[in-house]
Protein backbone atom coordinates (compact mmCIF):
# COMPACT_ATOMS: atom_id res chain seq x y z
CA MET A 1 0.03 0.10 0.06
CA THR A 2 1.49 3.37 -0.96
CA THR A 3 0.91 6.53 1.10
CA THR A 4 0.50 9.66 -0.71
CA ALA A 5 3.06 12.39 0.21
CA GLU A 6 2.23 15.95 0.62
CA PRO A 7 3.72 17.98 -1.98
CA ALA A 8 7.00 19.92 -0.86
CA LEU A 9 6.33 23.70 -0.96
CA GLU A 10 6.51 24.76 -4.69
CA GLY A 11 8.00 21.53 -5.70
CA ILE A 12 7.38 17.74 -6.28
CA ALA A 13 6.50 15.27 -3.80
CA LEU A 14 7.59 11.46 -4.04
CA THR A 15 5.31 8.91 -2.33
CA GLU A 16 6.95 6.28 -0.01
CA GLY A 17 6.62 3.77 -2.95
CA ALA A 18 8.13 6.00 -5.44
CA ALA A 19 11.01 6.81 -3.11
CA ALA A 20 11.52 3.05 -2.10
CA LYS A 21 11.52 2.21 -5.98
CA VAL A 22 14.14 4.97 -6.71
CA LYS A 23 16.26 4.01 -3.94
CA ALA A 24 16.39 0.36 -4.81
CA LEU A 25 17.20 1.35 -8.38
CA LEU A 26 20.06 3.67 -7.52
CA THR A 27 21.33 0.85 -5.20
CA SER A 28 21.37 -1.40 -7.68
CA GLU A 29 23.40 0.95 -9.91
CA GLY A 30 25.89 1.54 -6.93
CA SER A 31 25.24 5.19 -7.23
CA LEU A 32 22.97 6.15 -4.26
CA ASP A 33 25.09 9.05 -3.26
CA ASP A 34 25.91 10.06 -6.86
CA LEU A 35 22.71 10.49 -8.71
CA SER A 36 19.55 12.20 -8.23
CA LEU A 37 15.99 11.67 -9.92
CA ARG A 38 15.64 14.48 -12.21
CA ILE A 39 12.08 15.19 -13.41
CA ALA A 40 11.69 17.74 -16.29
CA VAL A 41 9.12 18.99 -18.61
CA GLN A 42 9.96 18.94 -22.52
CA PRO A 43 7.88 20.10 -25.56
CA GLY A 44 6.40 17.21 -27.32
CA GLY A 45 3.98 14.36 -26.89
CA CYS A 46 0.44 14.35 -28.17
CA SER A 47 -0.80 16.87 -25.55
CA GLY A 48 2.03 19.44 -26.06
CA LEU A 49 4.39 18.77 -23.08
CA ARG A 50 5.83 15.58 -21.83
CA TYR A 51 7.56 14.35 -18.57
CA GLN A 52 11.19 13.19 -18.61
CA LEU A 53 12.27 11.08 -15.74
CA TYR A 54 16.00 10.22 -15.28
CA PHE A 55 18.97 9.84 -13.05
CA ASP A 56 21.36 12.83 -13.16
CA ASP A 57 24.61 13.52 -11.51
CA ARG A 58 24.71 17.37 -12.80
CA SER A 59 23.46 20.24 -10.69
CA LEU A 60 22.27 23.07 -12.89
CA ASP A 61 21.86 26.84 -11.78
CA GLY A 62 18.50 27.54 -10.55
CA ASP A 63 17.74 23.58 -9.84
CA MET A 64 15.01 22.94 -6.96
CA VAL A 65 16.01 19.95 -4.83
CA ASN A 66 13.82 18.16 -2.50
CA LYS A 67 14.98 15.05 -0.53
CA PHE A 68 12.42 12.16 0.05
CA ASP A 69 13.69 9.09 2.42
CA GLY A 70 17.40 9.77 1.32
CA VAL A 71 16.26 10.40 -2.46
CA SER A 72 17.25 13.76 -4.09
CA VAL A 73 14.54 15.00 -6.60
CA VAL A 74 15.92 17.57 -8.71
CA THR A 75 13.81 19.88 -10.96
CA ASP A 76 15.17 22.73 -13.48
CA ARG A 77 13.79 26.23 -13.08
CA MET A 78 11.96 25.99 -16.50
CA SER A 79 10.16 22.81 -15.54
CA ALA A 80 9.40 23.93 -11.84
CA PRO A 81 6.18 25.82 -12.46
CA TYR A 82 4.68 23.09 -14.63
CA LEU A 83 5.36 20.56 -11.79
CA SER A 84 4.63 22.51 -8.70
CA GLY A 85 2.56 20.44 -6.57
CA ALA A 86 3.04 17.27 -8.54
CA VAL A 87 2.99 13.92 -6.92
CA ILE A 88 5.19 11.13 -8.01
CA ASP A 89 4.11 7.55 -7.11
CA PHE A 90 5.29 4.05 -8.32
CA VAL A 91 2.39 1.60 -9.39
CA ASP A 92 3.28 -2.17 -9.58
CA THR A 93 0.30 -4.14 -10.38
CA ILE A 94 -0.75 -6.95 -12.75
CA GLU A 95 -2.12 -4.31 -15.12
CA LYS A 96 0.59 -1.70 -14.83
CA GLN A 97 4.02 -1.16 -13.62
CA GLY A 98 5.83 2.27 -13.62
CA PHE A 99 6.07 5.61 -12.34
CA THR A 100 2.97 7.78 -12.32
CA ILE A 101 2.53 11.64 -11.86
CA ASP A 102 -0.36 13.25 -10.56
CA ASN A 103 0.06 16.77 -11.67
CA PRO A 104 -2.57 19.53 -10.52
CA ASN A 105 -1.13 21.95 -13.30
CA ALA A 106 -2.10 19.66 -16.15
CA GLN A 107 -5.32 20.97 -18.00
CA ASN A 108 -5.39 17.66 -20.28
CA SER A 109 -3.33 14.87 -20.78
CA CYS A 110 -2.99 11.93 -23.20
CA ALA A 111 -4.30 8.40 -22.66
CA CYS A 112 -0.93 6.83 -21.89
CA GLY A 113 -0.20 9.64 -19.23
CA ASP A 114 3.10 10.59 -20.76
CA SER A 115 2.21 13.89 -21.88
CA PHE A 116 0.06 16.83 -20.79
CA HIS A 117 -1.14 20.35 -21.59
């Protein structure tokens, strides 16, 4: 059972399940201290903007950093307004597996959930 996290002030929140999955992935890579989960918004997708989640060792000017259970989550300053208040979860069911994003800023989204407007 995944508990919904409260969004960090002006930032993104990770649920306990998402933080545990990110930590497990980083540990399997041997990079728990070297990498952060970067969440960005890029033009594209069927709804106009698409999410990008990836591990990153860079620190960019203007990055917003939040920590969740030892996991650093980084957002660049251009993506931050689109992601403010978003909650990232990890779902592992028979029907679906992967990260999900509940974004209060998304007016519309595609059926696959990878892009929004």
